[in-house]
N, C-alpha and C. Protein backbone atom coordinates (compact mmCIF):
# COMPACT_ATOMS: atom_id res chain seq x y z
N MET A 1 0.90 -1.26 0.03
CA MET A 1 -0.06 0.01 0.05
C MET A 1 0.97 1.24 -0.05
N THR A 2 0.68 2.19 -0.79
CA THR A 2 1.38 3.34 -0.92
C THR A 2 0.60 4.57 -0.12
N ALA A 3 1.42 5.56 0.39
CA ALA A 3 0.99 6.70 1.21
C ALA A 3 0.24 7.61 0.23
N ALA A 4 -0.25 8.54 0.90
CA ALA A 4 -1.23 9.56 0.19
C ALA A 4 -0.62 10.30 -0.82
N GLY A 5 0.76 10.37 -0.87
CA GLY A 5 1.55 11.02 -2.06
C GLY A 5 1.61 10.02 -3.25
N GLY A 6 1.30 8.90 -3.14
CA GLY A 6 1.39 8.03 -4.32
C GLY A 6 2.61 7.22 -4.44
N GLY A 7 3.76 7.76 -3.80
CA GLY A 7 5.03 6.99 -3.91
C GLY A 7 5.25 6.17 -2.62
N LYS A 8 6.34 5.41 -2.60
CA LYS A 8 6.62 4.57 -1.52
C LYS A 8 7.07 5.41 -0.21
N SER A 9 7.62 6.72 -0.52
CA SER A 9 8.10 7.41 0.62
C SER A 9 7.00 8.15 1.38
N GLY A 10 5.82 8.27 0.67
CA GLY A 10 4.77 9.04 1.21
C GLY A 10 4.84 10.65 0.88
N TYR A 11 5.79 11.06 0.25
CA TYR A 11 6.08 12.40 -0.05
C TYR A 11 5.02 12.80 -1.16
N ASP A 12 4.39 13.84 -0.96
CA ASP A 12 3.38 14.34 -1.90
C ASP A 12 3.67 15.62 -2.35
N ALA A 13 4.32 15.83 -3.47
CA ALA A 13 4.82 17.06 -4.04
C ALA A 13 3.78 18.15 -4.09
N ALA A 14 2.65 17.67 -4.61
CA ALA A 14 1.47 18.55 -4.88
C ALA A 14 1.05 19.23 -3.51
N ASN A 15 0.92 18.38 -2.44
CA ASN A 15 0.51 18.85 -1.19
C ASN A 15 1.69 19.82 -0.60
N ASP A 16 2.85 19.37 -0.73
CA ASP A 16 3.95 20.24 -0.20
C ASP A 16 4.00 21.52 -0.90
N ALA A 17 3.67 21.59 -2.20
CA ALA A 17 3.62 22.88 -2.84
C ALA A 17 2.45 23.73 -2.37
N ALA A 18 1.40 23.21 -2.08
CA ALA A 18 0.38 23.94 -1.53
C ALA A 18 0.64 24.45 -0.15
N LYS A 19 1.33 23.68 0.68
CA LYS A 19 1.66 24.10 1.99
C LYS A 19 2.67 25.24 1.89
N THR A 20 3.62 25.15 0.96
CA THR A 20 4.57 26.24 0.70
C THR A 20 3.90 27.50 0.44
N ARG A 21 2.92 27.46 -0.61
CA ARG A 21 2.19 28.60 -1.10
C ARG A 21 1.46 29.20 0.23
N ALA A 22 0.88 28.38 1.07
CA ALA A 22 0.14 28.85 2.21
C ALA A 22 1.21 29.56 3.17
N GLN A 23 2.31 28.94 3.30
CA GLN A 23 3.30 29.51 4.10
C GLN A 23 3.86 30.93 3.66
N GLN A 24 4.00 30.91 2.35
CA GLN A 24 4.39 32.25 1.72
C GLN A 24 3.29 33.36 1.95
N GLU A 25 2.05 32.93 1.71
CA GLU A 25 0.95 33.76 1.93
C GLU A 25 0.88 34.34 3.49
N ALA A 26 1.12 33.29 4.34
CA ALA A 26 1.18 33.74 5.75
C ALA A 26 2.18 34.64 6.05
N ALA A 27 3.32 34.49 5.37
CA ALA A 27 4.64 35.30 5.75
C ALA A 27 4.36 36.79 5.13
N ARG A 28 3.47 36.82 4.16
CA ARG A 28 3.04 38.16 3.62
C ARG A 28 2.37 38.96 4.61
N GLY A 29 2.35 40.34 4.53
CA GLY A 29 1.80 41.09 5.51
C GLY A 29 0.32 40.91 5.71
N LYS A 30 -0.04 41.09 6.93
CA LYS A 30 -1.51 40.92 7.30
C LYS A 30 -2.25 42.19 7.21
N GLY A 31 -1.51 43.38 7.06
CA GLY A 31 -2.13 44.60 7.09
C GLY A 31 -1.26 45.63 7.82
N ALA A 32 -0.97 46.71 7.29
CA ALA A 32 -0.17 47.70 8.11
C ALA A 32 -0.65 49.11 7.57
N TRP A 33 -0.39 50.10 8.36
CA TRP A 33 -0.95 51.36 8.15
C TRP A 33 0.21 52.34 8.46
N ASP A 34 0.42 53.21 7.54
CA ASP A 34 1.48 54.33 7.79
C ASP A 34 0.81 55.56 8.38
N CYS A 35 0.90 55.87 9.62
CA CYS A 35 0.13 57.08 10.29
C CYS A 35 0.64 58.43 9.75
N GLU A 36 1.83 58.45 9.29
CA GLU A 36 2.42 59.65 8.85
C GLU A 36 1.75 59.96 7.51
N LYS A 37 1.55 59.01 6.69
CA LYS A 37 1.15 59.20 5.31
C LYS A 37 -0.41 58.92 5.20
N TYR A 38 -0.95 58.57 6.28
CA TYR A 38 -2.49 58.36 6.46
C TYR A 38 -2.85 57.34 5.30
N CYS A 39 -2.12 56.24 5.09
CA CYS A 39 -2.45 55.34 4.09
C CYS A 39 -1.93 53.80 4.52
N GLU A 40 -2.40 52.82 3.70
CA GLU A 40 -2.00 51.48 3.90
C GLU A 40 -0.68 51.35 3.44
N ILE A 41 0.03 50.37 4.28
CA ILE A 41 1.44 49.86 3.70
C ILE A 41 1.00 48.67 3.14
N LEU A 42 1.10 48.48 1.81
CA LEU A 42 0.78 47.26 1.06
C LEU A 42 1.45 46.10 1.68
N PRO A 43 0.71 44.87 1.58
CA PRO A 43 1.31 43.70 2.18
C PRO A 43 2.56 43.28 1.65
N GLU A 44 2.93 43.57 0.33
CA GLU A 44 4.17 43.20 -0.30
C GLU A 44 5.21 44.11 0.13
N ASP A 45 4.95 45.22 0.72
CA ASP A 45 6.00 46.25 1.19
C ASP A 45 6.14 46.18 2.69
N GLU A 46 5.26 45.46 3.37
CA GLU A 46 5.52 45.40 4.85
C GLU A 46 6.67 44.91 5.42
N ALA A 47 7.28 43.91 4.88
CA ALA A 47 8.64 43.34 5.36
C ALA A 47 9.73 44.56 5.15
N ARG A 48 9.64 45.14 4.09
CA ARG A 48 10.68 46.18 3.83
C ARG A 48 10.56 47.26 4.80
N VAL A 49 9.31 47.86 4.94
CA VAL A 49 9.10 49.00 5.68
C VAL A 49 9.44 48.66 7.28
N PHE A 50 9.06 47.53 7.80
CA PHE A 50 9.42 47.07 9.15
C PHE A 50 10.80 46.49 9.26
N GLU A 51 11.57 46.48 8.25
CA GLU A 51 13.03 45.93 8.36
C GLU A 51 13.02 44.53 8.77
N GLU A 52 12.37 43.58 7.98
CA GLU A 52 12.12 42.21 8.34
C GLU A 52 12.64 41.32 7.22
N ILE A 53 13.55 41.75 6.28
CA ILE A 53 13.99 40.97 5.31
C ILE A 53 15.33 40.35 5.59
N ALA A 54 15.31 39.10 5.57
CA ALA A 54 16.62 38.40 5.87
C ALA A 54 17.66 38.68 4.74
N THR A 55 18.91 38.81 5.13
CA THR A 55 19.95 38.99 4.16
C THR A 55 21.02 38.39 4.70
N ALA A 56 22.08 38.18 3.63
CA ALA A 56 23.38 37.56 3.86
C ALA A 56 24.48 38.28 3.15
N ASN A 57 24.38 39.63 3.16
CA ASN A 57 25.40 40.37 2.45
C ASN A 57 26.70 40.39 3.19
N GLU A 58 27.85 40.86 2.56
CA GLU A 58 29.07 40.90 3.35
C GLU A 58 28.87 41.78 4.50
N GLY A 59 29.23 41.37 5.67
CA GLY A 59 29.27 42.26 6.83
C GLY A 59 27.92 41.90 7.76
N ASP A 60 27.05 41.34 7.12
CA ASP A 60 25.62 41.01 7.74
C ASP A 60 25.82 39.86 8.79
N PHE A 61 24.94 39.74 9.75
CA PHE A 61 24.92 38.79 10.69
C PHE A 61 24.25 37.59 9.98
N VAL A 62 24.91 36.34 9.99
CA VAL A 62 24.37 35.16 9.43
C VAL A 62 24.48 34.16 10.49
N PHE A 63 23.70 33.16 10.39
CA PHE A 63 23.72 31.98 11.33
C PHE A 63 24.00 30.76 10.58
N GLU A 64 25.25 30.20 10.67
CA GLU A 64 25.63 29.01 9.87
C GLU A 64 25.24 29.14 8.41
N GLY A 65 25.44 30.25 7.86
CA GLY A 65 25.17 30.46 6.45
C GLY A 65 23.80 30.69 6.15
N ILE A 66 22.91 30.94 7.00
CA ILE A 66 21.53 31.07 6.84
C ILE A 66 21.38 32.65 6.92
N PRO A 67 20.61 33.39 5.88
CA PRO A 67 20.41 34.75 6.02
C PRO A 67 19.44 35.10 7.23
N CYS A 68 19.83 36.15 7.97
CA CYS A 68 18.99 36.57 9.08
C CYS A 68 18.59 38.00 8.88
N VAL A 69 17.50 38.36 9.59
CA VAL A 69 16.98 39.65 9.69
C VAL A 69 18.08 40.51 10.51
N GLN A 70 18.39 41.47 9.97
CA GLN A 70 19.56 42.33 10.57
C GLN A 70 19.00 43.34 11.70
N PRO A 71 19.88 43.81 12.53
CA PRO A 71 19.43 44.81 13.53
C PRO A 71 18.77 45.94 12.89
N ARG A 72 17.59 46.31 13.51
CA ARG A 72 16.88 47.49 12.96
C ARG A 72 17.82 48.86 13.00
N THR A 73 17.47 49.68 12.08
CA THR A 73 18.08 50.91 12.04
C THR A 73 17.12 51.92 12.19
N ASP A 74 15.72 51.75 12.07
CA ASP A 74 14.67 52.73 12.31
C ASP A 74 14.28 52.78 13.83
N TYR A 75 14.85 53.82 14.41
CA TYR A 75 14.47 54.03 15.86
C TYR A 75 13.56 55.20 16.05
N ALA A 76 13.13 55.77 14.88
CA ALA A 76 12.28 56.98 14.90
C ALA A 76 10.79 56.55 14.94
N HIS A 77 10.51 55.25 14.48
CA HIS A 77 8.99 54.91 14.50
C HIS A 77 8.77 53.82 15.43
N LEU A 78 7.52 53.84 16.07
CA LEU A 78 7.12 52.76 16.84
C LEU A 78 5.97 52.00 15.98
N ALA A 79 5.64 50.79 16.28
CA ALA A 79 4.64 50.03 15.64
C ALA A 79 3.68 49.48 16.73
N PHE A 80 2.34 49.68 16.48
CA PHE A 80 1.26 49.05 17.41
C PHE A 80 0.44 48.19 16.65
N PHE A 81 0.27 47.01 17.35
CA PHE A 81 -0.81 46.18 16.72
C PHE A 81 -2.24 46.41 17.20
N PHE A 82 -3.07 46.51 16.28
CA PHE A 82 -4.43 46.82 16.68
C PHE A 82 -5.39 46.06 15.66
N ASP A 83 -6.29 45.16 16.13
CA ASP A 83 -7.09 44.43 15.39
C ASP A 83 -6.45 43.80 14.14
N GLY A 84 -5.42 43.12 14.42
CA GLY A 84 -4.70 42.31 13.33
C GLY A 84 -3.96 43.12 12.23
N CYS A 85 -3.74 44.40 12.65
CA CYS A 85 -2.98 45.29 11.75
C CYS A 85 -1.90 46.10 12.50
N ARG A 86 -0.77 46.39 11.86
CA ARG A 86 0.29 47.14 12.47
C ARG A 86 0.08 48.56 11.97
N TYR A 87 0.33 49.44 13.10
CA TYR A 87 0.15 50.89 12.75
C TYR A 87 1.63 51.46 13.09
N ARG A 88 2.24 52.06 12.06
CA ARG A 88 3.51 52.58 12.26
C ARG A 88 3.40 54.12 12.46
N ILE A 89 4.13 54.61 13.44
CA ILE A 89 3.91 56.11 13.74
C ILE A 89 5.30 56.64 14.12
N LEU A 90 5.47 57.76 13.80
CA LEU A 90 6.64 58.53 14.13
C LEU A 90 6.46 58.93 15.55
N ALA A 91 7.27 58.42 16.51
CA ALA A 91 6.97 58.86 17.94
C ALA A 91 8.20 58.51 18.65
N ASP A 92 8.45 59.19 19.71
CA ASP A 92 9.64 59.01 20.59
C ASP A 92 9.21 58.45 21.89
N VAL A 93 10.03 57.58 22.47
CA VAL A 93 9.61 56.88 23.72
C VAL A 93 9.60 57.93 24.89
N THR A 94 10.18 59.09 24.75
CA THR A 94 10.09 60.09 25.84
C THR A 94 8.77 60.85 25.86
N GLU A 95 7.87 60.55 24.86
CA GLU A 95 6.60 61.06 24.90
C GLU A 95 5.57 60.43 25.92
N LYS A 96 4.59 61.03 26.39
CA LYS A 96 3.62 60.47 27.26
C LYS A 96 2.77 59.54 26.51
N CYS A 97 2.37 58.48 27.10
CA CYS A 97 1.30 57.45 26.54
C CYS A 97 0.23 58.17 25.92
N GLN A 98 -0.47 59.03 26.64
CA GLN A 98 -1.75 59.69 26.23
C GLN A 98 -1.54 60.48 25.03
N ASP A 99 -0.27 61.12 24.81
CA ASP A 99 -0.06 61.93 23.70
C ASP A 99 0.06 61.04 22.34
N ILE A 100 0.87 59.84 22.59
CA ILE A 100 0.94 59.00 21.46
C ILE A 100 -0.28 58.36 21.07
N LYS A 101 -1.12 57.90 22.02
CA LYS A 101 -2.29 57.26 21.86
C LYS A 101 -3.34 58.23 21.10
N LYS A 102 -3.35 59.47 21.40
CA LYS A 102 -4.20 60.43 20.74
C LYS A 102 -3.84 60.60 19.16
N ARG A 103 -2.50 60.78 19.04
CA ARG A 103 -1.94 60.88 17.75
C ARG A 103 -2.18 59.73 16.85
N LEU A 104 -2.00 58.54 17.61
CA LEU A 104 -2.18 57.24 16.83
C LEU A 104 -3.67 57.15 16.34
N TRP A 105 -4.52 57.52 17.21
CA TRP A 105 -6.03 57.41 16.79
C TRP A 105 -6.25 58.51 15.47
N GLU A 106 -5.72 59.76 15.82
CA GLU A 106 -5.95 60.88 14.87
C GLU A 106 -5.37 60.47 13.46
N LYS A 107 -4.37 59.58 13.44
CA LYS A 107 -3.79 59.26 12.17
C LYS A 107 -4.11 57.96 11.64
N GLY A 108 -5.16 57.30 12.27
CA GLY A 108 -5.74 56.06 11.52
C GLY A 108 -6.05 54.93 12.34
N CYS A 109 -5.45 54.82 13.55
CA CYS A 109 -5.64 53.60 14.35
C CYS A 109 -7.16 53.64 14.96
N GLY A 110 -7.98 52.71 14.59
CA GLY A 110 -9.31 52.76 15.07
C GLY A 110 -10.35 53.52 14.25
N LYS A 111 -9.84 53.97 13.05
CA LYS A 111 -10.66 54.74 12.18
C LYS A 111 -11.44 53.76 11.11
N GLY A 112 -11.01 52.54 10.91
CA GLY A 112 -11.72 51.76 10.10
C GLY A 112 -11.60 52.00 8.62
N GLU A 113 -10.45 52.56 8.25
CA GLU A 113 -10.24 53.02 6.87
C GLU A 113 -10.11 51.80 5.90
N PRO A 114 -10.42 51.80 4.71
CA PRO A 114 -10.45 50.75 3.83
C PRO A 114 -8.90 50.37 3.52
N MET A 115 -8.74 48.90 3.61
CA MET A 115 -7.36 48.36 3.27
C MET A 115 -7.56 47.13 2.39
N SER A 116 -6.61 46.82 1.65
CA SER A 116 -6.55 45.66 0.78
C SER A 116 -6.74 44.32 1.60
N THR A 117 -6.50 44.41 3.01
CA THR A 117 -6.60 43.19 3.78
C THR A 117 -7.86 43.36 4.69
N GLY A 118 -8.72 44.33 4.25
CA GLY A 118 -10.09 44.45 4.97
C GLY A 118 -9.99 45.68 5.97
N ARG A 119 -11.16 46.04 6.29
CA ARG A 119 -11.26 47.24 7.26
C ARG A 119 -11.04 46.69 8.67
N ARG A 120 -10.57 47.63 9.54
CA ARG A 120 -10.27 47.24 10.85
C ARG A 120 -11.44 47.81 11.70
N ARG A 121 -11.42 47.40 12.92
CA ARG A 121 -12.42 47.80 13.98
C ARG A 121 -12.33 49.34 14.18
N THR A 122 -13.38 50.02 14.49
CA THR A 122 -13.40 51.46 14.67
C THR A 122 -13.61 51.60 16.21
N VAL A 123 -13.06 52.86 16.71
CA VAL A 123 -13.42 53.25 17.94
C VAL A 123 -13.75 54.75 17.79
N GLU A 124 -14.69 55.24 18.67
CA GLU A 124 -15.22 56.51 18.54
C GLU A 124 -14.23 57.75 18.97
N ASP A 125 -13.31 57.34 19.88
CA ASP A 125 -12.56 58.33 20.49
C ASP A 125 -11.16 57.65 20.97
N TRP A 126 -10.17 58.45 20.93
CA TRP A 126 -8.82 57.96 21.33
C TRP A 126 -8.77 57.55 22.68
N ARG A 127 -9.73 58.03 23.49
CA ARG A 127 -9.70 57.58 25.04
C ARG A 127 -10.17 56.13 25.15
N GLU A 128 -10.73 55.56 24.09
CA GLU A 128 -11.32 54.23 24.05
C GLU A 128 -10.19 53.24 23.80
N LEU A 129 -8.93 53.56 23.60
CA LEU A 129 -7.92 52.87 23.39
C LEU A 129 -7.02 52.66 24.58
N THR A 130 -6.30 51.58 24.70
CA THR A 130 -5.44 51.34 25.80
C THR A 130 -3.93 50.75 25.13
N LEU A 131 -2.88 51.33 25.53
CA LEU A 131 -1.63 50.89 24.98
C LEU A 131 -0.92 49.88 26.03
N LEU A 132 -0.39 48.81 25.41
CA LEU A 132 0.41 47.83 26.12
C LEU A 132 1.80 47.60 25.60
N TYR A 133 2.63 47.28 26.63
CA TYR A 133 3.99 46.78 26.15
C TYR A 133 4.20 45.56 27.00
N SER A 134 4.69 44.58 26.40
CA SER A 134 5.02 43.38 27.20
C SER A 134 3.64 42.83 27.96
N CYS A 135 2.51 43.01 27.37
CA CYS A 135 1.26 42.65 27.86
C CYS A 135 0.87 43.33 29.14
N GLU A 136 1.46 44.45 29.44
CA GLU A 136 1.21 45.29 30.51
C GLU A 136 0.69 46.65 30.03
N ILE A 137 -0.41 47.09 30.68
CA ILE A 137 -1.01 48.41 30.42
C ILE A 137 0.06 49.58 30.71
N ILE A 138 0.23 50.40 29.83
CA ILE A 138 1.07 51.52 29.95
C ILE A 138 0.23 52.71 30.52
N PRO A 139 0.71 53.16 31.69
CA PRO A 139 -0.21 54.30 32.32
C PRO A 139 -0.21 55.45 31.56
N GLU A 140 -1.40 56.15 31.39
CA GLU A 140 -1.68 57.29 30.55
C GLU A 140 -0.62 58.44 30.77
N ASP A 141 -0.23 58.83 31.99
CA ASP A 141 0.52 59.90 32.40
C ASP A 141 2.00 59.52 32.34
N THR A 142 2.45 58.42 32.01
CA THR A 142 3.87 58.11 32.00
C THR A 142 4.45 58.02 30.66
N THR A 143 5.78 58.24 30.41
CA THR A 143 6.36 58.22 29.15
C THR A 143 6.65 56.67 28.87
N LEU A 144 6.61 56.29 27.64
CA LEU A 144 6.94 55.08 27.24
C LEU A 144 8.31 54.53 27.84
N LEU A 145 9.20 55.45 27.78
CA LEU A 145 10.63 55.19 28.14
C LEU A 145 10.63 54.81 29.75
N ASP A 146 9.80 55.59 30.48
CA ASP A 146 9.71 55.18 31.92
C ASP A 146 9.01 53.89 32.12
N PHE A 147 8.28 53.39 31.19
CA PHE A 147 7.69 51.99 31.25
C PHE A 147 8.60 50.94 30.68
N GLY A 148 9.82 51.36 30.15
CA GLY A 148 10.77 50.39 29.74
C GLY A 148 10.74 50.04 28.18
N VAL A 149 9.88 50.79 27.51
CA VAL A 149 9.81 50.61 25.98
C VAL A 149 11.00 51.21 25.41
N PRO A 150 11.70 50.15 24.50
CA PRO A 150 12.97 50.76 23.83
C PRO A 150 12.61 51.57 22.72
N PRO A 151 13.53 52.41 22.30
CA PRO A 151 13.35 53.33 21.09
C PRO A 151 13.20 52.37 19.91
N GLY A 152 12.36 52.86 18.96
CA GLY A 152 11.95 52.15 17.85
C GLY A 152 11.23 50.71 18.05
N CYS A 153 10.67 50.54 19.15
CA CYS A 153 9.94 49.31 19.40
C CYS A 153 8.82 49.05 18.35
N LYS A 154 8.79 47.79 17.87
CA LYS A 154 7.85 47.39 16.97
C LYS A 154 6.80 46.38 17.29
N CYS A 155 6.75 46.14 18.61
CA CYS A 155 5.94 45.15 19.16
C CYS A 155 5.03 45.64 20.27
N LEU A 156 4.39 46.93 20.09
CA LEU A 156 3.48 47.41 21.00
C LEU A 156 1.94 47.01 20.71
N ILE A 157 1.10 47.22 21.69
CA ILE A 157 -0.26 46.77 21.31
C ILE A 157 -1.18 47.94 21.62
N ALA A 158 -2.10 48.20 20.78
CA ALA A 158 -3.17 49.17 21.05
C ALA A 158 -4.48 48.23 21.04
N ILE A 159 -5.24 48.38 21.99
CA ILE A 159 -6.48 47.55 22.18
C ILE A 159 -7.58 48.37 22.71
N GLU A 160 -8.85 48.05 22.29
CA GLU A 160 -9.98 48.64 22.89
C GLU A 160 -10.07 48.51 24.41
N THR A 161 -10.26 49.53 25.18
CA THR A 161 -10.42 49.42 26.51
C THR A 161 -11.48 48.49 26.96
N ALA A 162 -12.67 48.51 26.13
CA ALA A 162 -13.74 47.64 26.46
C ALA A 162 -13.39 46.24 26.37
N ILE A 163 -12.50 45.85 25.53
CA ILE A 163 -12.19 44.29 25.39
C ILE A 163 -11.42 43.99 26.69
N LEU A 164 -10.43 44.88 27.08
CA LEU A 164 -9.80 44.51 28.32
C LEU A 164 -10.69 44.35 29.49
N GLU A 165 -11.60 45.32 29.55
CA GLU A 165 -12.51 45.38 30.76
C GLU A 165 -13.38 44.20 30.61
N SER A 166 -13.87 43.68 29.53
CA SER A 166 -14.70 42.47 29.48
C SER A 166 -14.14 41.29 29.85
N GLY A 167 -12.64 41.12 29.85
CA GLY A 167 -12.08 39.99 30.21
C GLY A 167 -11.91 38.94 29.34
N LYS A 168 -12.62 38.99 28.13
CA LYS A 168 -12.60 38.02 26.99
C LYS A 168 -12.72 38.68 25.64
N PRO A 169 -11.92 38.29 24.64
CA PRO A 169 -11.95 38.92 23.37
C PRO A 169 -13.40 38.47 22.76
N SER A 170 -13.95 39.31 21.92
CA SER A 170 -15.16 38.98 21.19
C SER A 170 -14.74 37.89 20.19
N ALA A 171 -15.80 37.15 19.64
CA ALA A 171 -15.75 35.99 18.85
C ALA A 171 -15.04 36.39 17.48
N SER A 172 -15.09 37.71 17.18
CA SER A 172 -14.57 38.08 15.82
C SER A 172 -13.11 38.63 15.89
N ASP A 173 -12.53 38.63 17.23
CA ASP A 173 -11.32 39.22 17.47
C ASP A 173 -10.14 38.42 16.88
N PRO A 174 -9.10 39.08 16.37
CA PRO A 174 -8.02 38.44 15.80
C PRO A 174 -7.17 37.48 16.87
N TYR A 175 -7.49 37.66 18.19
CA TYR A 175 -7.00 36.96 19.15
C TYR A 175 -7.30 35.42 18.85
N TRP A 176 -8.39 35.03 18.28
CA TRP A 176 -8.72 33.69 18.01
C TRP A 176 -8.16 33.18 16.76
N ASN A 177 -7.43 33.83 15.99
CA ASN A 177 -6.91 33.47 14.59
C ASN A 177 -5.69 32.62 15.01
């Protein structure tokens, strides 16, 4: 009896190709927004904008010959995840949380603007957002630096305060993806 792939080894090239395509699609951006330009960062540009392209040029860090993502050079922008999308904003960690949150909302986070990856959730006011770092709520009146956020951090979270207060994400929340 032969395996699902038809050969003795069980290798299924067609199934492997489909998995590879699915992995490539998953590696492609899920949605990003440039707050300074008030526009979408296209999925095919997301890795370049967020400095996530592995390279193996002379002088680059490589691991046993494998190309690696190099240390970031953009320390002027922060990135916040909100409703399955990354929002890139020009901000300094010496700014207060509430100031960054207000600007983040004014420049697109929570506005539900159309994107090729779909519209995101909307919030009526910047006060309805809560910012987190390392899964901890950043106090409104503190600077991000005081809270330990490094310059250029690309792994911050913006979430609706109502979701945090409810204790459980809604059924449509990206948390379940």
